[in-house]
Amino acid sequence: MSFKKGNVFNGSCHVGDWIKTELLEPQNIRVNTVAEHLGVSRQAISALLSGRCGLTAEIAIRFEKAFGIRAETLMRMQGTFDLAQARAHASDLHVQHFGLLEMSETLIRQI
């Protein structure tokens, strides 16, 4: 399996890369062919396979119907990739802990 470095984060790959390398390339299935078969545009499939966009639930179901790979599996792959990407930038998110425990203790004392 050879994934583009830009589409791999912390060991998780973009689902489009996986679809391309594991489903389409071994069978020599072209982008135009899969797009037509799935009933979507060539641009939509191309964007997914290149990692320029994420997998939608509808497209996941289309791949499930066409290739037998469960939509839930594909969506988990996409979610894992998205989370790994977000975690790579988590230090840029400046959010304080909400403090629910402290809030609940304060509310209990008020009752």
Foldseek 3Di string as FASTA:
>chain_A
DDDDPVQAFPRAGALLCVCCPPPPVVVVHDLVRLCVQLVHDSVVSVCSNNVVDHDDLSVLVSCCVVPVDHSVVSVVSNVVSVVRVCVVCVVVDDDDDPPVVVVVVVVVVVD
